[in-house]
Amino acid sequence: MLRMLGAWGAALTVWLLGFSIVARLAAGAAGGGEPFSDLDRIVRLDLPWMLISVSMVVVAGAVQRDRTRRVRWLASVLPVPLLAALAGLAAPAAGDSGALSAVLYVAEWAAGTAGGLTLASLVSVRREELGGYW
């Protein structure tokens, strides 16, 4: 249970750090209330959100390395990224509240989380020849 709480705390820390960076990037892009260009949206919102999603899962997976019980491992790795996605849907960044933006946001979260799960599972594989997980 302690590792699970540690994994949630690590993922939450990554999210808070990433969110503060993205909020600053989003504020600097649209000075004066102008809408984002496509390139600004990709560089300032979409790409960082995917990197944050990957990072949250990888960090939580690095804390909770024991994958002997798959359900416990997923329960320690996925809740914070899922809550971050729900919070992002409830309060969209840069005022984009359309259905297409929501679908794009969820697709980015799913892609980032899938990539993070892959990396986290690679990190959690025990290396017998090295005597540890790395």
C-alpha atoms as a PDB file:
ATOM      1  CA  MET A   1       0.000   0.000   0.000  1.00  0.00           C
ATOM      2  CA  LEU A   2       2.872   2.337   0.753  1.00  0.00           C
ATOM      3  CA  ARG A   3       4.349   1.853  -2.729  1.00  0.00           C
ATOM      4  CA  MET A   4       0.933   2.489  -4.254  1.00  0.00           C
ATOM      5  CA  LEU A   5       0.616   5.783  -2.404  1.00  0.00           C
ATOM      6  CA  GLY A   6       4.167   6.614  -3.419  1.00  0.00           C
ATOM      7  CA  ALA A   7       3.335   5.897  -7.056  1.00  0.00           C
ATOM      8  CA  TRP A   8       0.255   8.129  -6.880  1.00  0.00           C
ATOM      9  CA  GLY A   9       2.261  10.883  -5.218  1.00  0.00           C
ATOM     10  CA  ALA A  10       5.029  10.672  -7.814  1.00  0.00           C
ATOM     11  CA  ALA A  11       2.534  10.804 -10.686  1.00  0.00           C
ATOM     12  CA  LEU A  12       0.720  13.729  -9.067  1.00  0.00           C
ATOM     13  CA  THR A  13       4.011  15.593  -8.677  1.00  0.00           C
ATOM     14  CA  VAL A  14       4.803  15.070 -12.361  1.00  0.00           C
ATOM     15  CA  TRP A  15       1.330  16.269 -13.307  1.00  0.00           C
ATOM     16  CA  LEU A  16       1.569  19.402 -11.163  1.00  0.00           C
ATOM     17  CA  LEU A  17       4.965  20.261 -12.593  1.00  0.00           C
ATOM     18  CA  GLY A  18       3.850  19.573 -16.154  1.00  0.00           C
ATOM     19  CA  PHE A  19       0.577  21.439 -15.727  1.00  0.00           C
ATOM     20  CA  SER A  20       2.367  24.523 -14.447  1.00  0.00           C
ATOM     21  CA  ILE A  21       4.677  24.444 -17.477  1.00  0.00           C
ATOM     22  CA  VAL A  22       1.803  23.963 -19.938  1.00  0.00           C
ATOM     23  CA  ALA A  23      -0.231  26.710 -18.263  1.00  0.00           C
ATOM     24  CA  ARG A  24       2.689  29.076 -18.675  1.00  0.00           C
ATOM     25  CA  LEU A  25       3.162  28.045 -22.322  1.00  0.00           C
ATOM     26  CA  ALA A  26      -0.552  28.455 -23.026  1.00  0.00           C
ATOM     27  CA  ALA A  27      -0.637  31.893 -21.431  1.00  0.00           C
ATOM     28  CA  GLY A  28       2.321  33.079 -23.504  1.00  0.00           C
ATOM     29  CA  ALA A  29       0.912  31.864 -26.822  1.00  0.00           C
ATOM     30  CA  ALA A  30      -2.326  33.765 -26.995  1.00  0.00           C
ATOM     31  CA  GLY A  31      -1.476  37.252 -25.866  1.00  0.00           C
ATOM     32  CA  GLY A  32      -4.561  39.425 -26.018  1.00  0.00           C
ATOM     33  CA  GLY A  33      -7.104  36.629 -26.358  1.00  0.00           C
ATOM     34  CA  GLU A  34      -6.192  35.594 -29.894  1.00  0.00           C
ATOM     35  CA  PRO A  35      -6.933  31.970 -30.809  1.00  0.00           C
ATOM     36  CA  PHE A  36      -4.079  29.506 -31.120  1.00  0.00           C
ATOM     37  CA  SER A  37      -2.663  28.694 -34.514  1.00  0.00           C
ATOM     38  CA  ASP A  38      -2.410  25.001 -35.334  1.00  0.00           C
ATOM     39  CA  LEU A  39       1.331  24.942 -34.738  1.00  0.00           C
ATOM     40  CA  ASP A  40       0.985  26.796 -31.417  1.00  0.00           C
ATOM     41  CA  ARG A  41      -1.644  24.319 -30.252  1.00  0.00           C
ATOM     42  CA  ILE A  42       0.511  21.325 -31.156  1.00  0.00           C
ATOM     43  CA  VAL A  43       3.712  22.695 -29.638  1.00  0.00           C
ATOM     44  CA  ARG A  44       2.260  24.398 -26.574  1.00  0.00           C
ATOM     45  CA  LEU A  45      -0.623  22.084 -25.602  1.00  0.00           C
ATOM     46  CA  ASP A  46      -0.801  18.757 -27.410  1.00  0.00           C
ATOM     47  CA  LEU A  47       2.808  17.580 -27.368  1.00  0.00           C
ATOM     48  CA  PRO A  48       3.454  18.577 -23.732  1.00  0.00           C
ATOM     49  CA  TRP A  49       0.216  16.871 -22.655  1.00  0.00           C
ATOM     50  CA  MET A  50       1.333  13.623 -24.287  1.00  0.00           C
ATOM     51  CA  LEU A  51       4.759  13.895 -22.647  1.00  0.00           C
ATOM     52  CA  ILE A  52       3.123  14.549 -19.271  1.00  0.00           C
ATOM     53  CA  SER A  53       0.891  11.488 -19.725  1.00  0.00           C
ATOM     54  CA  VAL A  54       3.887   9.306 -20.557  1.00  0.00           C
ATOM     55  CA  SER A  55       5.917  10.719 -17.665  1.00  0.00           C
ATOM     56  CA  MET A  56       3.161  10.218 -15.079  1.00  0.00           C
ATOM     57  CA  VAL A  57       2.802   6.552 -15.946  1.00  0.00           C
ATOM     58  CA  VAL A  58       6.552   5.901 -16.184  1.00  0.00           C
ATOM     59  CA  VAL A  59       7.273   7.562 -12.842  1.00  0.00           C
ATOM     60  CA  ALA A  60       4.444   5.695 -11.124  1.00  0.00           C
ATOM     61  CA  GLY A  61       5.609   2.445 -12.739  1.00  0.00           C
ATOM     62  CA  ALA A  62       9.169   3.087 -11.550  1.00  0.00           C
ATOM     63  CA  VAL A  63       7.921   3.438  -7.983  1.00  0.00           C
ATOM     64  CA  GLN A  64       5.598   0.410  -8.202  1.00  0.00           C
ATOM     65  CA  ARG A  65       7.864  -2.091  -9.963  1.00  0.00           C
ATOM     66  CA  ASP A  66       6.247  -5.278  -8.699  1.00  0.00           C
ATOM     67  CA  ARG A  67       4.120  -6.589 -11.575  1.00  0.00           C
ATOM     68  CA  THR A  68       3.309  -9.986 -10.058  1.00  0.00           C
ATOM     69  CA  ARG A  69      -0.285  -8.857  -9.597  1.00  0.00           C
ATOM     70  CA  ARG A  70      -1.319  -7.039 -12.779  1.00  0.00           C
ATOM     71  CA  VAL A  71      -4.470  -5.462 -11.303  1.00  0.00           C
ATOM     72  CA  ARG A  72      -2.573  -3.991  -8.355  1.00  0.00           C
ATOM     73  CA  TRP A  73       0.116  -2.651 -10.691  1.00  0.00           C
ATOM     74  CA  LEU A  74      -2.447  -1.001 -12.981  1.00  0.00           C
ATOM     75  CA  ALA A  75      -4.309   0.381  -9.955  1.00  0.00           C
ATOM     76  CA  SER A  76      -1.115   2.036  -8.799  1.00  0.00           C
ATOM     77  CA  VAL A  77      -0.108   3.392 -12.205  1.00  0.00           C
ATOM     78  CA  LEU A  78      -3.326   4.561 -13.905  1.00  0.00           C
ATOM     79  CA  PRO A  79      -5.539   6.510 -11.445  1.00  0.00           C
ATOM     80  CA  VAL A  80      -3.639   9.804 -11.425  1.00  0.00           C
ATOM     81  CA  PRO A  81      -3.347  10.040 -15.234  1.00  0.00           C
ATOM     82  CA  LEU A  82      -7.040   9.168 -15.510  1.00  0.00           C
ATOM     83  CA  LEU A  83      -7.989  11.857 -12.993  1.00  0.00           C
ATOM     84  CA  ALA A  84      -5.768  14.352 -14.827  1.00  0.00           C
ATOM     85  CA  ALA A  85      -7.564  13.555 -18.078  1.00  0.00           C
ATOM     86  CA  LEU A  86     -10.955  14.016 -16.441  1.00  0.00           C
ATOM     87  CA  ALA A  87      -9.839  17.319 -14.930  1.00  0.00           C
ATOM     88  CA  GLY A  88      -8.614  18.441 -18.345  1.00  0.00           C
ATOM     89  CA  LEU A  89     -11.966  17.580 -19.895  1.00  0.00           C
ATOM     90  CA  ALA A  90     -13.804  19.475 -17.169  1.00  0.00           C
ATOM     91  CA  ALA A  91     -11.625  22.596 -17.533  1.00  0.00           C
ATOM     92  CA  PRO A  92     -10.278  22.708 -21.089  1.00  0.00           C
ATOM     93  CA  ALA A  93      -7.037  24.572 -21.757  1.00  0.00           C
ATOM     94  CA  ALA A  94      -7.073  27.722 -23.874  1.00  0.00           C
ATOM     95  CA  GLY A  95     -10.870  27.841 -23.922  1.00  0.00           C
ATOM     96  CA  ASP A  96     -11.277  24.960 -26.406  1.00  0.00           C
ATOM     97  CA  SER A  97     -14.469  23.301 -25.249  1.00  0.00           C
ATOM     98  CA  GLY A  98     -15.696  21.720 -28.479  1.00  0.00           C
ATOM     99  CA  ALA A  99     -16.335  18.038 -29.027  1.00  0.00           C
ATOM    100  CA  LEU A 100     -13.383  17.729 -31.389  1.00  0.00           C
ATOM    101  CA  SER A 101     -11.029  19.199 -28.796  1.00  0.00           C
ATOM    102  CA  ALA A 102     -12.327  16.758 -26.183  1.00  0.00           C
ATOM    103  CA  VAL A 103     -11.841  13.781 -28.507  1.00  0.00           C
ATOM    104  CA  LEU A 104      -8.333  14.966 -29.375  1.00  0.00           C
ATOM    105  CA  TYR A 105      -7.528  15.447 -25.688  1.00  0.00           C
ATOM    106  CA  VAL A 106      -8.673  11.925 -24.803  1.00  0.00           C
ATOM    107  CA  ALA A 107      -6.807  10.439 -27.792  1.00  0.00           C
ATOM    108  CA  GLU A 108      -3.614  12.212 -26.703  1.00  0.00           C
ATOM    109  CA  TRP A 109      -4.094  10.949 -23.156  1.00  0.00           C
ATOM    110  CA  ALA A 110      -4.672   7.386 -24.383  1.00  0.00           C
ATOM    111  CA  ALA A 111      -1.600   7.470 -26.639  1.00  0.00           C
ATOM    112  CA  GLY A 112       0.554   8.955 -23.889  1.00  0.00           C
ATOM    113  CA  THR A 113      -0.710   6.465 -21.331  1.00  0.00           C
ATOM    114  CA  ALA A 114      -0.156   3.517 -23.673  1.00  0.00           C
ATOM    115  CA  GLY A 115       3.394   4.675 -24.319  1.00  0.00           C
ATOM    116  CA  GLY A 116       3.923   5.187 -20.617  1.00  0.00           C
ATOM    117  CA  LEU A 117       2.606   1.708 -19.793  1.00  0.00           C
ATOM    118  CA  THR A 118       5.007   0.219 -22.311  1.00  0.00           C
ATOM    119  CA  LEU A 119       7.972   2.088 -20.871  1.00  0.00           C
ATOM    120  CA  ALA A 120       6.905   1.385 -17.291  1.00  0.00           C
ATOM    121  CA  SER A 121       6.610  -2.335 -17.984  1.00  0.00           C
ATOM    122  CA  LEU A 122      10.104  -2.308 -19.483  1.00  0.00           C
ATOM    123  CA  VAL A 123      11.437  -0.506 -16.412  1.00  0.00           C
ATOM    124  CA  SER A 124       9.793  -2.983 -14.059  1.00  0.00           C
ATOM    125  CA  VAL A 125      11.350  -6.080 -15.645  1.00  0.00           C
ATOM    126  CA  ARG A 126      13.860  -7.539 -13.241  1.00  0.00           C
ATOM    127  CA  ARG A 127      17.333  -7.939 -14.699  1.00  0.00           C
ATOM    128  CA  GLU A 128      18.753 -11.046 -13.029  1.00  0.00           C
ATOM    129  CA  GLU A 129      22.194 -10.650 -14.546  1.00  0.00           C
ATOM    130  CA  LEU A 130      22.469  -7.143 -13.102  1.00  0.00           C
ATOM    131  CA  GLY A 131      20.978  -8.079  -9.743  1.00  0.00           C
ATOM    132  CA  GLY A 132      18.213  -5.478  -9.876  1.00  0.00           C
ATOM    133  CA  TYR A 133      15.505  -3.825 -11.924  1.00  0.00           C
ATOM    134  CA  TRP A 134      17.628  -1.555 -14.085  1.00  0.00           C
END
